[in-house]
């Protein structure tokens, strides 16, 4: 059963395609969208970060820290 508070796929697609949800055309920022990593405008290009969701920002920072630590240990 679908959660009543969960927006429909049609609503999510409208959010992604709305230019008002894109800062400078490249950063997705939509506080209504609770997804951490929504699909990009062209879904074949993968996913982007929802910078309005603090959890997604923390996830990106955490991933960058892991990559830095692993990169330093490779040398």
PDB file of N, CA and C in Angstrom:
ATOM      1  N   UNK A   1       0.838  -1.182   0.000  1.00  0.00           N
ATOM      2  CA  UNK A   1       0.000   0.000   0.000  1.00  0.00           C
ATOM      3  C   UNK A   1       0.876   1.235   0.000  1.00  0.00           C
ATOM      4  N   UNK A   2       0.553   2.208  -0.836  1.00  0.00           N
ATOM      5  CA  UNK A   2       1.360   3.411  -0.971  1.00  0.00           C
ATOM      6  C   UNK A   2       1.065   4.383   0.170  1.00  0.00           C
ATOM      7  N   UNK A   3       2.092   5.007   0.697  1.00  0.00           N
ATOM      8  CA  UNK A   3       1.954   5.993   1.757  1.00  0.00           C
ATOM      9  C   UNK A   3       1.185   7.204   1.226  1.00  0.00           C
ATOM     10  N   UNK A   4       0.184   7.666   1.979  1.00  0.00           N
ATOM     11  CA  UNK A   4      -0.613   8.810   1.547  1.00  0.00           C
ATOM     12  C   UNK A   4       0.220  10.074   1.434  1.00  0.00           C
ATOM     13  N   UNK A   5       1.271  10.192   2.242  1.00  0.00           N
ATOM     14  CA  UNK A   5       2.116  11.378   2.216  1.00  0.00           C
ATOM     15  C   UNK A   5       3.158  11.331   1.099  1.00  0.00           C
ATOM     16  N   UNK A   6       3.332  10.172   0.522  1.00  0.00           N
ATOM     17  CA  UNK A   6       4.321   9.996  -0.546  1.00  0.00           C
ATOM     18  C   UNK A   6       3.768  10.586  -1.844  1.00  0.00           C
ATOM     19  N   UNK A   7       4.508  11.532  -2.456  1.00  0.00           N
ATOM     20  CA  UNK A   7       4.033  12.104  -3.719  1.00  0.00           C
ATOM     21  C   UNK A   7       4.045  11.068  -4.844  1.00  0.00           C
ATOM     22  N   UNK A   8       3.184  11.276  -5.816  1.00  0.00           N
ATOM     23  CA  UNK A   8       3.097  10.351  -6.943  1.00  0.00           C
ATOM     24  C   UNK A   8       4.329  10.485  -7.829  1.00  0.00           C
ATOM     25  N   UNK A   9       4.544   9.496  -8.676  1.00  0.00           N
ATOM     26  CA  UNK A   9       5.658   9.551  -9.629  1.00  0.00           C
ATOM     27  C   UNK A   9       5.492  10.748 -10.567  1.00  0.00           C
ATOM     28  N   UNK A  10       4.259  11.063 -10.907  1.00  0.00           N
ATOM     29  CA  UNK A  10       3.985  12.211 -11.773  1.00  0.00           C
ATOM     30  C   UNK A  10       4.428  13.514 -11.097  1.00  0.00           C
ATOM     31  N   UNK A  11       4.140  13.652  -9.803  1.00  0.00           N
ATOM     32  CA  UNK A  11       4.569  14.837  -9.055  1.00  0.00           C
ATOM     33  C   UNK A  11       6.084  14.912  -8.992  1.00  0.00           C
ATOM     34  N   UNK A  12       6.731  13.773  -8.731  1.00  0.00           N
ATOM     35  CA  UNK A  12       8.192  13.746  -8.666  1.00  0.00           C
ATOM     36  C   UNK A  12       8.807  14.143 -10.011  1.00  0.00           C
ATOM     37  N   UNK A  13       8.212  13.670 -11.100  1.00  0.00           N
ATOM     38  CA  UNK A  13       8.699  14.047 -12.434  1.00  0.00           C
ATOM     39  C   UNK A  13       8.519  15.539 -12.686  1.00  0.00           C
ATOM     40  N   UNK A  14       7.397  16.102 -12.229  1.00  0.00           N
ATOM     41  CA  UNK A  14       7.173  17.550 -12.385  1.00  0.00           C
ATOM     42  C   UNK A  14       8.220  18.338 -11.612  1.00  0.00           C
ATOM     43  N   UNK A  15       8.543  17.870 -10.401  1.00  0.00           N
ATOM     44  CA  UNK A  15       9.564  18.553  -9.604  1.00  0.00           C
ATOM     45  C   UNK A  15      10.907  18.563 -10.330  1.00  0.00           C
ATOM     46  N   UNK A  16      11.285  17.414 -10.862  1.00  0.00           N
ATOM     47  CA  UNK A  16      12.580  17.302 -11.545  1.00  0.00           C
ATOM     48  C   UNK A  16      12.624  18.209 -12.766  1.00  0.00           C
ATOM     49  N   UNK A  17      11.527  18.311 -13.481  1.00  0.00           N
ATOM     50  CA  UNK A  17      11.495  19.093 -14.715  1.00  0.00           C
ATOM     51  C   UNK A  17      11.207  20.577 -14.504  1.00  0.00           C
ATOM     52  N   UNK A  18      10.919  20.973 -13.274  1.00  0.00           N
ATOM     53  CA  UNK A  18      10.631  22.381 -12.978  1.00  0.00           C
ATOM     54  C   UNK A  18      11.947  23.156 -12.846  1.00  0.00           C
ATOM     55  N   UNK A  19      12.199  24.130 -13.726  1.00  0.00           N
ATOM     56  CA  UNK A  19      13.459  24.879 -13.658  1.00  0.00           C
ATOM     57  C   UNK A  19      13.621  25.667 -12.357  1.00  0.00           C
ATOM     58  N   UNK A  20      12.525  25.934 -11.648  1.00  0.00           N
ATOM     59  CA  UNK A  20      12.621  26.650 -10.375  1.00  0.00           C
ATOM     60  C   UNK A  20      13.257  25.809  -9.272  1.00  0.00           C
ATOM     61  N   UNK A  21      13.345  24.492  -9.488  1.00  0.00           N
ATOM     62  CA  UNK A  21      13.969  23.601  -8.508  1.00  0.00           C
ATOM     63  C   UNK A  21      15.446  23.368  -8.792  1.00  0.00           C
ATOM     64  N   UNK A  22      15.998  24.095  -9.747  1.00  0.00           N
ATOM     65  CA  UNK A  22      17.406  23.929 -10.120  1.00  0.00           C
ATOM     66  C   UNK A  22      18.130  25.265  -9.950  1.00  0.00           C
ATOM     67  N   UNK A  23      19.078  25.315  -9.002  1.00  0.00           N
ATOM     68  CA  UNK A  23      19.886  26.514  -8.811  1.00  0.00           C
ATOM     69  C   UNK A  23      20.944  26.562  -9.895  1.00  0.00           C
ATOM     70  N   UNK A  24      21.008  27.672 -10.602  1.00  0.00           N
ATOM     71  CA  UNK A  24      21.951  27.867 -11.711  1.00  0.00           C
ATOM     72  C   UNK A  24      21.832  26.771 -12.769  1.00  0.00           C
ATOM     73  N   UNK A  25      20.719  26.065 -12.774  1.00  0.00           N
ATOM     74  CA  UNK A  25      20.493  25.041 -13.773  1.00  0.00           C
ATOM     75  C   UNK A  25      21.200  23.724 -13.530  1.00  0.00           C
ATOM     76  N   UNK A  26      22.003  23.622 -12.452  1.00  0.00           N
ATOM     77  CA  UNK A  26      22.765  22.389 -12.232  1.00  0.00           C
ATOM     78  C   UNK A  26      22.597  21.771 -10.838  1.00  0.00           C
ATOM     79  N   UNK A  27      22.162  22.549  -9.852  1.00  0.00           N
ATOM     80  CA  UNK A  27      22.014  22.035  -8.489  1.00  0.00           C
ATOM     81  C   UNK A  27      20.534  21.890  -8.165  1.00  0.00           C
ATOM     82  N   UNK A  28      20.102  20.652  -7.901  1.00  0.00           N
ATOM     83  CA  UNK A  28      18.698  20.396  -7.575  1.00  0.00           C
ATOM     84  C   UNK A  28      18.448  20.786  -6.129  1.00  0.00           C
ATOM     85  N   UNK A  29      17.457  21.639  -5.914  1.00  0.00           N
ATOM     86  CA  UNK A  29      17.125  22.128  -4.574  1.00  0.00           C
ATOM     87  C   UNK A  29      15.610  22.188  -4.450  1.00  0.00           C
ATOM     88  N   UNK A  30      15.027  21.189  -3.774  1.00  0.00           N
ATOM     89  CA  UNK A  30      13.579  21.130  -3.606  1.00  0.00           C
ATOM     90  C   UNK A  30      13.257  20.596  -2.218  1.00  0.00           C
ATOM     91  N   UNK A  31      12.886  21.484  -1.283  1.00  0.00           N
ATOM     92  CA  UNK A  31      12.561  21.038   0.080  1.00  0.00           C
ATOM     93  C   UNK A  31      11.364  20.094   0.149  1.00  0.00           C
ATOM     94  N   UNK A  32      10.465  20.144  -0.835  1.00  0.00           N
ATOM     95  CA  UNK A  32       9.298  19.247  -0.834  1.00  0.00           C
ATOM     96  C   UNK A  32       9.692  17.814  -1.168  1.00  0.00           C
ATOM     97  N   UNK A  33      10.778  17.651  -1.881  1.00  0.00           N
ATOM     98  CA  UNK A  33      11.248  16.332  -2.321  1.00  0.00           C
ATOM     99  C   UNK A  33      12.145  15.742  -1.240  1.00  0.00           C
ATOM    100  N   UNK A  34      11.701  14.671  -0.616  1.00  0.00           N
ATOM    101  CA  UNK A  34      12.446  14.058   0.498  1.00  0.00           C
ATOM    102  C   UNK A  34      13.508  13.066   0.041  1.00  0.00           C
ATOM    103  N   UNK A  35      13.590  12.801  -1.266  1.00  0.00           N
ATOM    104  CA  UNK A  35      14.588  11.850  -1.757  1.00  0.00           C
ATOM    105  C   UNK A  35      15.990  12.444  -1.599  1.00  0.00           C
ATOM    106  N   UNK A  36      16.945  11.591  -1.215  1.00  0.00           N
ATOM    107  CA  UNK A  36      18.330  12.036  -1.093  1.00  0.00           C
ATOM    108  C   UNK A  36      18.952  12.248  -2.466  1.00  0.00           C
ATOM    109  N   UNK A  37      18.731  11.278  -3.339  1.00  0.00           N
ATOM    110  CA  UNK A  37      19.342  11.299  -4.665  1.00  0.00           C
ATOM    111  C   UNK A  37      18.285  11.068  -5.740  1.00  0.00           C
ATOM    112  N   UNK A  38      17.572  12.119  -6.129  1.00  0.00           N
ATOM    113  CA  UNK A  38      16.578  11.963  -7.194  1.00  0.00           C
ATOM    114  C   UNK A  38      17.254  11.829  -8.553  1.00  0.00           C
ATOM    115  N   UNK A  39      16.530  11.321  -9.549  1.00  0.00           N
ATOM    116  CA  UNK A  39      17.131  11.199 -10.886  1.00  0.00           C
ATOM    117  C   UNK A  39      17.367  12.574 -11.503  1.00  0.00           C
ATOM    118  N   UNK A  40      18.327  12.629 -12.395  1.00  0.00           N
ATOM    119  CA  UNK A  40      18.589  13.875 -13.119  1.00  0.00           C
ATOM    120  C   UNK A  40      17.452  14.126 -14.096  1.00  0.00           C
ATOM    121  N   UNK A  41      17.448  15.308 -14.707  1.00  0.00           N
ATOM    122  CA  UNK A  41      16.398  15.642 -15.669  1.00  0.00           C
ATOM    123  C   UNK A  41      16.320  14.599 -16.770  1.00  0.00           C
ATOM    124  N   UNK A  42      17.467  14.193 -17.271  1.00  0.00           N
ATOM    125  CA  UNK A  42      17.528  13.107 -18.242  1.00  0.00           C
ATOM    126  C   UNK A  42      17.919  11.867 -17.440  1.00  0.00           C
ATOM    127  N   UNK A  43      16.958  11.002 -17.178  1.00  0.00           N
ATOM    128  CA  UNK A  43      17.156   9.885 -16.245  1.00  0.00           C
ATOM    129  C   UNK A  43      18.297   8.960 -16.643  1.00  0.00           C
ATOM    130  N   UNK A  44      18.617   8.891 -17.926  1.00  0.00           N
ATOM    131  CA  UNK A  44      19.709   8.034 -18.383  1.00  0.00           C
ATOM    132  C   UNK A  44      21.065   8.512 -17.864  1.00  0.00           C
ATOM    133  N   UNK A  45      21.141   9.766 -17.403  1.00  0.00           N
ATOM    134  CA  UNK A  45      22.400  10.316 -16.893  1.00  0.00           C
ATOM    135  C   UNK A  45      22.615  10.025 -15.420  1.00  0.00           C
ATOM    136  N   UNK A  46      21.705   9.284 -14.791  1.00  0.00           N
ATOM    137  CA  UNK A  46      21.910   8.889 -13.403  1.00  0.00           C
ATOM    138  C   UNK A  46      21.153   9.750 -12.415  1.00  0.00           C
ATOM    139  N   UNK A  47      21.794   9.994 -11.280  1.00  0.00           N
ATOM    140  CA  UNK A  47      21.145  10.667 -10.165  1.00  0.00           C
ATOM    141  C   UNK A  47      21.901  11.922  -9.771  1.00  0.00           C
ATOM    142  N   UNK A  48      21.210  12.789  -9.053  1.00  0.00           N
ATOM    143  CA  UNK A  48      21.812  14.013  -8.553  1.00  0.00           C
ATOM    144  C   UNK A  48      21.535  14.104  -7.060  1.00  0.00           C
ATOM    145  N   UNK A  49      22.059  15.106  -6.419  1.00  0.00           N
ATOM    146  CA  UNK A  49      21.858  15.326  -4.999  1.00  0.00           C
ATOM    147  C   UNK A  49      20.772  16.378  -4.806  1.00  0.00           C
ATOM    148  N   UNK A  50      19.865  16.134  -3.868  1.00  0.00           N
ATOM    149  CA  UNK A  50      18.881  17.149  -3.502  1.00  0.00           C
ATOM    150  C   UNK A  50      19.496  17.986  -2.385  1.00  0.00           C
ATOM    151  N   UNK A  51      20.026  19.142  -2.729  1.00  0.00           N
ATOM    152  CA  UNK A  51      20.731  19.975  -1.763  1.00  0.00           C
ATOM    153  C   UNK A  51      19.814  20.592  -0.718  1.00  0.00           C
ATOM    154  N   UNK A  52      18.503  20.479  -0.877  1.00  0.00           N
ATOM    155  CA  UNK A  52      17.561  20.948   0.133  1.00  0.00           C
ATOM    156  C   UNK A  52      17.409  19.942   1.267  1.00  0.00           C
ATOM    157  N   UNK A  53      17.864  18.725   1.056  1.00  0.00           N
ATOM    158  CA  UNK A  53      17.770  17.678   2.070  1.00  0.00           C
ATOM    159  C   UNK A  53      19.117  17.575   2.782  1.00  0.00           C
ATOM    160  N   UNK A  54      19.173  17.964   4.061  1.00  0.00           N
ATOM    161  CA  UNK A  54      20.463  17.940   4.779  1.00  0.00           C
ATOM    162  C   UNK A  54      21.098  16.553   4.812  1.00  0.00           C
ATOM    163  N   UNK A  55      20.293  15.504   4.819  1.00  0.00           N
ATOM    164  CA  UNK A  55      20.852  14.148   4.844  1.00  0.00           C
ATOM    165  C   UNK A  55      21.629  13.835   3.577  1.00  0.00           C
ATOM    166  N   UNK A  56      21.178  14.349   2.446  1.00  0.00           N
ATOM    167  CA  UNK A  56      21.906  14.080   1.203  1.00  0.00           C
ATOM    168  C   UNK A  56      23.228  14.839   1.182  1.00  0.00           C
ATOM    169  N   UNK A  57      23.243  16.030   1.755  1.00  0.00           N
ATOM    170  CA  UNK A  57      24.492  16.795   1.830  1.00  0.00           C
ATOM    171  C   UNK A  57      25.489  16.053   2.727  1.00  0.00           C
ATOM    172  N   UNK A  58      25.015  15.536   3.861  1.00  0.00           N
ATOM    173  CA  UNK A  58      25.897  14.757   4.745  1.00  0.00           C
ATOM    174  C   UNK A  58      26.405  13.505   4.035  1.00  0.00           C
ATOM    175  N   UNK A  59      25.555  12.864   3.257  1.00  0.00           N
ATOM    176  CA  UNK A  59      25.965  11.661   2.523  1.00  0.00           C
ATOM    177  C   UNK A  59      27.075  11.989   1.523  1.00  0.00           C
ATOM    178  N   UNK A  60      26.957  13.098   0.823  1.00  0.00           N
ATOM    179  CA  UNK A  60      27.985  13.502  -0.139  1.00  0.00           C
ATOM    180  C   UNK A  60      29.293  13.821   0.574  1.00  0.00           C
ATOM    181  N   UNK A  61      29.218  14.551   1.686  1.00  0.00           N
ATOM    182  CA  UNK A  61      30.433  14.875   2.452  1.00  0.00           C
ATOM    183  C   UNK A  61      31.086  13.593   2.964  1.00  0.00           C
ATOM    184  N   UNK A  62      30.282  12.666   3.474  1.00  0.00           N
ATOM    185  CA  UNK A  62      30.802  11.391   3.966  1.00  0.00           C
ATOM    186  C   UNK A  62      31.488  10.615   2.849  1.00  0.00           C
ATOM    187  N   UNK A  63      30.860  10.564   1.687  1.00  0.00           N
ATOM    188  CA  UNK A  63      31.450   9.872   0.539  1.00  0.00           C
ATOM    189  C   UNK A  63      32.772  10.523   0.128  1.00  0.00           C
ATOM    190  N   UNK A  64      32.825  11.835   0.121  1.00  0.00           N
ATOM    191  CA  UNK A  64      34.065  12.530  -0.242  1.00  0.00           C
ATOM    192  C   UNK A  64      35.175  12.228   0.759  1.00  0.00           C
ATOM    193  N   UNK A  65      34.836  12.199   2.044  1.00  0.00           N
ATOM    194  CA  UNK A  65      35.837  11.874   3.063  1.00  0.00           C
ATOM    195  C   UNK A  65      36.378  10.459   2.888  1.00  0.00           C
ATOM    196  N   UNK A  66      35.495   9.513   2.602  1.00  0.00           N
ATOM    197  CA  UNK A  66      35.936   8.135   2.362  1.00  0.00           C
ATOM    198  C   UNK A  66      36.882   8.084   1.172  1.00  0.00           C
ATOM    199  N   UNK A  67      36.533   8.779   0.090  1.00  0.00           N
ATOM    200  CA  UNK A  67      37.389   8.782  -1.096  1.00  0.00           C
ATOM    201  C   UNK A  67      38.752   9.410  -0.813  1.00  0.00           C
ATOM    202  N   UNK A  68      38.776  10.461   0.001  1.00  0.00           N
ATOM    203  CA  UNK A  68      40.053  11.093   0.363  1.00  0.00           C
ATOM    204  C   UNK A  68      40.905  10.134   1.174  1.00  0.00           C
ATOM    205  N   UNK A  69      40.311   9.481   2.175  1.00  0.00           N
ATOM    206  CA  UNK A  69      41.054   8.555   3.026  1.00  0.00           C
ATOM    207  C   UNK A  69      41.581   7.379   2.202  1.00  0.00           C
ATOM    208  N   UNK A  70      40.749   6.804   1.351  1.00  0.00           N
ATOM    209  CA  UNK A  70      41.171   5.679   0.524  1.00  0.00           C
ATOM    210  C   UNK A  70      42.261   6.126  -0.451  1.00  0.00           C
ATOM    211  N   UNK A  71      42.096   7.298  -1.017  1.00  0.00           N
ATOM    212  CA  UNK A  71      43.086   7.818  -1.948  1.00  0.00           C
ATOM    213  C   UNK A  71      44.442   8.031  -1.306  1.00  0.00           C
ATOM    214  N   UNK A  72      44.457   8.483  -0.077  1.00  0.00           N
ATOM    215  CA  UNK A  72      45.723   8.702   0.629  1.00  0.00           C
ATOM    216  C   UNK A  72      46.423   7.390   0.957  1.00  0.00           C
ATOM    217  N   UNK A  73      45.644   6.346   1.210  1.00  0.00           N
ATOM    218  CA  UNK A  73      46.227   5.052   1.545  1.00  0.00           C
ATOM    219  C   UNK A  73      46.689   4.279   0.316  1.00  0.00           C
ATOM    220  N   UNK A  74      46.310   4.733  -0.866  1.00  0.00           N
ATOM    221  CA  UNK A  74      46.718   4.066  -2.108  1.00  0.00           C
ATOM    222  C   UNK A  74      48.150   4.430  -2.482  1.00  0.00           C
ATOM    223  N   UNK A  75      48.655   5.519  -1.965  1.00  0.00           N
ATOM    224  CA  UNK A  75      50.021   5.955  -2.323  1.00  0.00           C
ATOM    225  C   UNK A  75      51.049   5.269  -1.496  1.00  0.00           C
TER     226      UNK A  75
END
